[in-house]
Amino acid sequence: LIHPGYVITAMSCGISVLKRDGMMVAVAGEGKVTPLGMSPYTQVRRLLKFKVLPKTQVVIGNLESPFEITDYVRHLCRGQKDFDNEGVNCQISGRTNISWSEGYPVTVAEKCGK
């Protein structure tokens, strides 16, 4: 989650979602997958469209309605607001459909919350 109304994922995940029939959704706040159903903290939002970031394997998904920010659903943030690393090159990473850990270079644009 990079904003309450937008998610970020790998190209492989975006392609996998687009190949499925039916409504596309994003799930947040679900800490553990169980056969018993979703936790009370889970939020589900419909994905409207994906946009590939040029020259990357990163995809931005636009949500129909924003997630509510809670203790269980948070947007990507680089940490404390007084931690000044604007313009620094970093890596974002996470699990994808084809890898347990994929990383992509990013540049920190501005302080979280601006």
N, C-alpha and C. Protein backbone atom coordinates (compact mmCIF):
# COMPACT_ATOMS: atom_id res chain seq x y z
N LEU A 1 0.86 -1.17 0.00
CA LEU A 1 0.00 0.00 0.00
C LEU A 1 0.90 1.23 0.00
N ILE A 2 0.84 2.01 -1.05
CA ILE A 2 1.68 3.22 -1.12
C ILE A 2 0.87 4.47 -0.83
N HIS A 3 -0.43 4.32 -0.77
CA HIS A 3 -1.38 5.39 -0.49
C HIS A 3 -2.67 4.66 -0.18
N PRO A 4 -3.58 5.22 0.61
CA PRO A 4 -4.82 4.49 0.89
C PRO A 4 -5.58 4.03 -0.36
N GLY A 5 -5.38 4.72 -1.49
CA GLY A 5 -6.10 4.37 -2.71
C GLY A 5 -5.27 3.64 -3.76
N TYR A 6 -4.00 3.30 -3.43
CA TYR A 6 -3.12 2.68 -4.43
C TYR A 6 -2.26 1.58 -3.78
N VAL A 7 -2.08 0.50 -4.52
CA VAL A 7 -1.19 -0.58 -4.08
C VAL A 7 -0.03 -0.69 -5.05
N ILE A 8 1.06 -1.26 -4.59
CA ILE A 8 2.22 -1.50 -5.45
C ILE A 8 2.51 -2.99 -5.42
N THR A 9 2.84 -3.55 -6.57
CA THR A 9 3.14 -4.97 -6.66
C THR A 9 4.11 -5.21 -7.81
N ALA A 10 4.52 -6.46 -7.93
CA ALA A 10 5.42 -6.84 -9.01
C ALA A 10 4.61 -7.10 -10.28
N MET A 11 5.25 -6.93 -11.42
CA MET A 11 4.62 -7.18 -12.71
C MET A 11 4.02 -8.58 -12.77
N SER A 12 4.73 -9.57 -12.25
CA SER A 12 4.23 -10.96 -12.31
C SER A 12 2.91 -11.10 -11.56
N CYS A 13 2.77 -10.42 -10.45
CA CYS A 13 1.51 -10.46 -9.70
C CYS A 13 0.41 -9.77 -10.49
N GLY A 14 0.69 -8.63 -11.07
CA GLY A 14 -0.29 -7.90 -11.87
C GLY A 14 -0.78 -8.73 -13.05
N ILE A 15 0.14 -9.39 -13.73
CA ILE A 15 -0.23 -10.23 -14.87
C ILE A 15 -1.09 -11.40 -14.41
N SER A 16 -0.72 -12.01 -13.30
CA SER A 16 -1.49 -13.13 -12.76
C SER A 16 -2.91 -12.71 -12.43
N VAL A 17 -3.07 -11.55 -11.82
CA VAL A 17 -4.40 -11.04 -11.46
C VAL A 17 -5.22 -10.75 -12.71
N LEU A 18 -4.60 -10.13 -13.71
CA LEU A 18 -5.32 -9.77 -14.93
C LEU A 18 -5.78 -10.99 -15.73
N LYS A 19 -5.10 -12.13 -15.58
CA LYS A 19 -5.47 -13.34 -16.30
C LYS A 19 -6.70 -14.03 -15.71
N ARG A 20 -7.07 -13.66 -14.50
CA ARG A 20 -8.21 -14.29 -13.84
C ARG A 20 -9.52 -13.68 -14.30
N ASP A 21 -10.56 -14.51 -14.30
CA ASP A 21 -11.90 -14.02 -14.60
C ASP A 21 -12.51 -13.42 -13.34
N GLY A 22 -13.41 -12.46 -13.53
CA GLY A 22 -14.13 -11.89 -12.40
C GLY A 22 -13.49 -10.64 -11.86
N MET A 23 -13.99 -10.23 -10.71
CA MET A 23 -13.55 -8.99 -10.07
C MET A 23 -12.15 -9.17 -9.47
N MET A 24 -11.31 -8.15 -9.61
CA MET A 24 -9.97 -8.13 -9.03
C MET A 24 -10.04 -7.37 -7.71
N VAL A 25 -9.44 -7.93 -6.65
CA VAL A 25 -9.47 -7.28 -5.34
C VAL A 25 -8.08 -7.25 -4.72
N ALA A 26 -7.89 -6.31 -3.81
CA ALA A 26 -6.70 -6.24 -2.98
C ALA A 26 -7.15 -6.50 -1.55
N VAL A 27 -6.36 -7.27 -0.82
CA VAL A 27 -6.68 -7.62 0.57
C VAL A 27 -5.59 -7.03 1.46
N ALA A 28 -5.98 -6.36 2.53
CA ALA A 28 -5.03 -5.78 3.48
C ALA A 28 -5.47 -6.11 4.90
N GLY A 29 -4.51 -6.19 5.80
CA GLY A 29 -4.82 -6.43 7.21
C GLY A 29 -4.95 -7.89 7.58
N GLU A 30 -4.80 -8.77 6.63
CA GLU A 30 -4.90 -10.22 6.89
C GLU A 30 -3.52 -10.73 7.24
N GLY A 31 -3.29 -11.04 8.50
CA GLY A 31 -1.97 -11.45 8.94
C GLY A 31 -1.62 -12.88 8.65
N LYS A 32 -2.62 -13.74 8.56
CA LYS A 32 -2.37 -15.16 8.37
C LYS A 32 -3.48 -15.77 7.54
N VAL A 33 -3.13 -16.56 6.56
CA VAL A 33 -4.13 -17.25 5.75
C VAL A 33 -4.55 -18.53 6.48
N THR A 34 -5.85 -18.65 6.75
CA THR A 34 -6.36 -19.83 7.44
C THR A 34 -7.62 -20.33 6.73
N PRO A 35 -7.99 -21.58 6.94
CA PRO A 35 -9.23 -22.09 6.35
C PRO A 35 -10.47 -21.59 7.09
N LEU A 36 -10.30 -20.84 8.16
CA LEU A 36 -11.42 -20.38 8.98
C LEU A 36 -11.99 -19.05 8.54
N GLY A 37 -11.45 -18.45 7.51
CA GLY A 37 -11.96 -17.16 7.04
C GLY A 37 -11.02 -16.02 7.38
N MET A 38 -11.49 -14.81 7.13
CA MET A 38 -10.66 -13.63 7.31
C MET A 38 -10.71 -13.13 8.76
N SER A 39 -9.64 -12.44 9.15
CA SER A 39 -9.58 -11.86 10.49
C SER A 39 -10.50 -10.64 10.54
N PRO A 40 -10.85 -10.19 11.73
CA PRO A 40 -11.70 -8.99 11.83
C PRO A 40 -11.01 -7.71 11.37
N TYR A 41 -9.69 -7.77 11.15
CA TYR A 41 -8.93 -6.59 10.73
C TYR A 41 -8.78 -6.49 9.22
N THR A 42 -9.26 -7.50 8.50
CA THR A 42 -9.10 -7.56 7.05
C THR A 42 -10.00 -6.55 6.35
N GLN A 43 -9.43 -5.91 5.33
CA GLN A 43 -10.19 -5.03 4.45
C GLN A 43 -9.98 -5.50 3.01
N VAL A 44 -11.04 -5.46 2.22
CA VAL A 44 -10.98 -5.87 0.83
C VAL A 44 -11.45 -4.71 -0.04
N ARG A 45 -10.69 -4.40 -1.08
CA ARG A 45 -11.05 -3.32 -1.99
C ARG A 45 -10.94 -3.80 -3.43
N ARG A 46 -11.82 -3.32 -4.28
CA ARG A 46 -11.81 -3.68 -5.70
C ARG A 46 -10.71 -2.91 -6.41
N LEU A 47 -9.94 -3.62 -7.25
CA LEU A 47 -8.93 -3.00 -8.10
C LEU A 47 -9.58 -2.54 -9.39
N LEU A 48 -9.34 -1.30 -9.76
CA LEU A 48 -9.92 -0.77 -10.99
C LEU A 48 -9.00 -0.96 -12.19
N LYS A 49 -7.70 -0.65 -12.01
CA LYS A 49 -6.76 -0.77 -13.12
C LYS A 49 -5.34 -0.83 -12.60
N PHE A 50 -4.44 -1.29 -13.47
CA PHE A 50 -3.01 -1.34 -13.17
C PHE A 50 -2.26 -0.42 -14.12
N LYS A 51 -1.15 0.13 -13.65
CA LYS A 51 -0.26 0.95 -14.47
C LYS A 51 1.17 0.47 -14.22
N VAL A 52 1.86 0.10 -15.29
CA VAL A 52 3.25 -0.34 -15.18
C VAL A 52 4.14 0.89 -15.14
N LEU A 53 5.06 0.92 -14.18
CA LEU A 53 6.05 2.00 -14.13
C LEU A 53 7.08 1.74 -15.21
N PRO A 54 7.34 2.71 -16.09
CA PRO A 54 8.25 2.51 -17.21
C PRO A 54 9.63 2.01 -16.77
N LYS A 55 10.17 1.08 -17.55
CA LYS A 55 11.51 0.52 -17.35
C LYS A 55 11.66 -0.22 -16.02
N THR A 56 10.56 -0.75 -15.46
CA THR A 56 10.61 -1.52 -14.22
C THR A 56 9.71 -2.74 -14.35
N GLN A 57 9.72 -3.55 -13.34
CA GLN A 57 8.79 -4.67 -13.20
C GLN A 57 7.79 -4.35 -12.08
N VAL A 58 7.55 -3.06 -11.85
CA VAL A 58 6.67 -2.59 -10.78
C VAL A 58 5.35 -2.13 -11.37
N VAL A 59 4.25 -2.50 -10.71
CA VAL A 59 2.91 -2.15 -11.15
C VAL A 59 2.19 -1.43 -10.02
N ILE A 60 1.49 -0.35 -10.37
CA ILE A 60 0.66 0.39 -9.41
C ILE A 60 -0.80 0.02 -9.69
N GLY A 61 -1.53 -0.35 -8.64
CA GLY A 61 -2.95 -0.67 -8.78
C GLY A 61 -3.80 0.42 -8.16
N ASN A 62 -4.81 0.87 -8.89
CA ASN A 62 -5.74 1.90 -8.44
C ASN A 62 -6.95 1.21 -7.82
N LEU A 63 -7.32 1.59 -6.60
CA LEU A 63 -8.43 0.97 -5.90
C LEU A 63 -9.72 1.75 -6.10
N GLU A 64 -10.85 1.04 -6.08
CA GLU A 64 -12.15 1.69 -6.23
C GLU A 64 -12.43 2.64 -5.05
N SER A 65 -12.07 2.22 -3.84
CA SER A 65 -12.21 3.07 -2.66
C SER A 65 -10.98 2.85 -1.79
N PRO A 66 -10.57 3.88 -1.05
CA PRO A 66 -9.33 3.76 -0.27
C PRO A 66 -9.48 2.83 0.93
N PHE A 67 -8.35 2.22 1.30
CA PHE A 67 -8.30 1.46 2.54
C PHE A 67 -8.36 2.43 3.71
N GLU A 68 -8.95 1.99 4.80
CA GLU A 68 -8.90 2.75 6.05
C GLU A 68 -7.58 2.41 6.73
N ILE A 69 -6.79 3.42 7.08
CA ILE A 69 -5.51 3.20 7.74
C ILE A 69 -5.79 2.85 9.21
N THR A 70 -5.29 1.70 9.64
CA THR A 70 -5.50 1.21 11.00
C THR A 70 -4.18 0.67 11.53
N ASP A 71 -4.22 0.06 12.71
CA ASP A 71 -3.02 -0.60 13.24
C ASP A 71 -2.64 -1.81 12.41
N TYR A 72 -3.57 -2.33 11.61
CA TYR A 72 -3.34 -3.53 10.81
C TYR A 72 -3.19 -3.24 9.32
N VAL A 73 -3.56 -2.06 8.89
CA VAL A 73 -3.45 -1.66 7.49
C VAL A 73 -2.70 -0.33 7.46
N ARG A 74 -1.49 -0.36 6.94
CA ARG A 74 -0.64 0.83 6.89
C ARG A 74 -0.09 0.99 5.49
N HIS A 75 0.15 2.23 5.09
CA HIS A 75 0.80 2.46 3.80
C HIS A 75 2.30 2.42 3.98
N LEU A 76 2.98 2.18 2.87
CA LEU A 76 4.43 2.13 2.85
C LEU A 76 4.97 3.47 3.33
N CYS A 77 5.84 3.43 4.29
CA CYS A 77 6.43 4.65 4.83
C CYS A 77 7.88 4.36 5.17
N ARG A 78 8.72 5.30 4.96
CA ARG A 78 10.14 5.05 5.18
C ARG A 78 10.56 5.17 6.64
N GLY A 79 9.63 5.39 7.53
CA GLY A 79 9.97 5.43 8.96
C GLY A 79 9.66 6.79 9.57
N GLN A 80 10.45 7.15 10.56
CA GLN A 80 10.22 8.39 11.29
C GLN A 80 10.27 9.60 10.37
N LYS A 81 9.40 10.57 10.64
CA LYS A 81 9.34 11.76 9.79
C LYS A 81 10.61 12.60 9.86
N ASP A 82 11.35 12.49 10.96
CA ASP A 82 12.58 13.29 11.08
C ASP A 82 13.80 12.57 10.50
N PHE A 83 13.60 11.37 9.96
CA PHE A 83 14.69 10.64 9.32
C PHE A 83 14.83 11.16 7.90
N ASP A 84 15.80 12.01 7.67
CA ASP A 84 15.93 12.72 6.40
C ASP A 84 16.82 11.97 5.42
N ASN A 85 16.19 11.28 4.47
CA ASN A 85 16.98 10.61 3.43
C ASN A 85 16.39 10.92 2.06
N GLU A 86 15.81 12.10 1.91
CA GLU A 86 15.24 12.52 0.63
C GLU A 86 16.29 12.44 -0.47
N GLY A 87 15.93 11.82 -1.60
CA GLY A 87 16.83 11.69 -2.73
C GLY A 87 17.74 10.47 -2.68
N VAL A 88 17.66 9.71 -1.60
CA VAL A 88 18.50 8.52 -1.44
C VAL A 88 17.93 7.38 -2.27
N ASN A 89 18.80 6.59 -2.88
CA ASN A 89 18.37 5.40 -3.61
C ASN A 89 18.20 4.24 -2.65
N CYS A 90 17.04 3.56 -2.74
CA CYS A 90 16.71 2.44 -1.86
C CYS A 90 16.20 1.28 -2.68
N GLN A 91 15.79 0.23 -2.01
CA GLN A 91 15.17 -0.94 -2.65
C GLN A 91 13.83 -1.20 -1.97
N ILE A 92 12.82 -1.50 -2.77
CA ILE A 92 11.59 -2.04 -2.21
C ILE A 92 11.59 -3.51 -2.57
N SER A 93 11.07 -4.34 -1.67
CA SER A 93 11.11 -5.77 -1.94
C SER A 93 9.93 -6.46 -1.31
N GLY A 94 9.70 -7.67 -1.76
CA GLY A 94 8.63 -8.48 -1.20
C GLY A 94 8.43 -9.75 -2.00
N ARG A 95 7.47 -10.53 -1.57
CA ARG A 95 7.17 -11.81 -2.22
C ARG A 95 6.34 -11.57 -3.47
N THR A 96 6.62 -12.33 -4.50
CA THR A 96 5.83 -12.29 -5.73
C THR A 96 5.40 -13.70 -6.09
N ASN A 97 4.67 -13.84 -7.19
CA ASN A 97 4.25 -15.17 -7.63
C ASN A 97 5.41 -16.04 -8.06
N ILE A 98 6.53 -15.43 -8.44
CA ILE A 98 7.65 -16.22 -8.96
C ILE A 98 8.88 -16.20 -8.05
N SER A 99 8.85 -15.44 -6.97
CA SER A 99 10.02 -15.35 -6.11
C SER A 99 9.60 -15.00 -4.68
N TRP A 100 10.34 -15.56 -3.72
CA TRP A 100 10.07 -15.21 -2.32
C TRP A 100 10.58 -13.81 -2.01
N SER A 101 11.51 -13.32 -2.80
CA SER A 101 12.05 -11.98 -2.54
C SER A 101 12.53 -11.36 -3.85
N GLU A 102 11.83 -10.32 -4.29
CA GLU A 102 12.25 -9.54 -5.45
C GLU A 102 12.46 -8.11 -4.99
N GLY A 103 13.49 -7.46 -5.50
CA GLY A 103 13.76 -6.09 -5.13
C GLY A 103 13.83 -5.18 -6.33
N TYR A 104 13.43 -3.93 -6.14
CA TYR A 104 13.46 -2.94 -7.20
C TYR A 104 14.02 -1.64 -6.65
N PRO A 105 14.90 -0.98 -7.41
CA PRO A 105 15.45 0.28 -6.94
C PRO A 105 14.42 1.40 -7.00
N VAL A 106 14.42 2.24 -5.99
CA VAL A 106 13.56 3.44 -5.96
C VAL A 106 14.36 4.58 -5.37
N THR A 107 13.94 5.79 -5.65
CA THR A 107 14.53 6.98 -5.05
C THR A 107 13.50 7.62 -4.13
N VAL A 108 13.89 7.90 -2.90
CA VAL A 108 12.98 8.53 -1.94
C VAL A 108 12.70 9.94 -2.42
N ALA A 109 11.42 10.25 -2.68
CA ALA A 109 11.07 11.53 -3.27
C ALA A 109 10.90 12.63 -2.23
N GLU A 110 10.20 12.31 -1.15
CA GLU A 110 9.95 13.32 -0.12
C GLU A 110 9.58 12.63 1.17
N LYS A 111 9.45 13.41 2.24
CA LYS A 111 9.13 12.83 3.54
C LYS A 111 7.74 12.21 3.54
N CYS A 112 7.61 11.14 4.30
CA CYS A 112 6.32 10.46 4.44
C CYS A 112 5.31 11.42 5.03
N GLY A 113 4.12 11.44 4.45
CA GLY A 113 3.06 12.30 4.96
C GLY A 113 2.98 13.65 4.28
N LYS A 114 3.94 13.99 3.41
CA LYS A 114 3.88 15.27 2.69
C LYS A 114 2.79 15.25 1.67
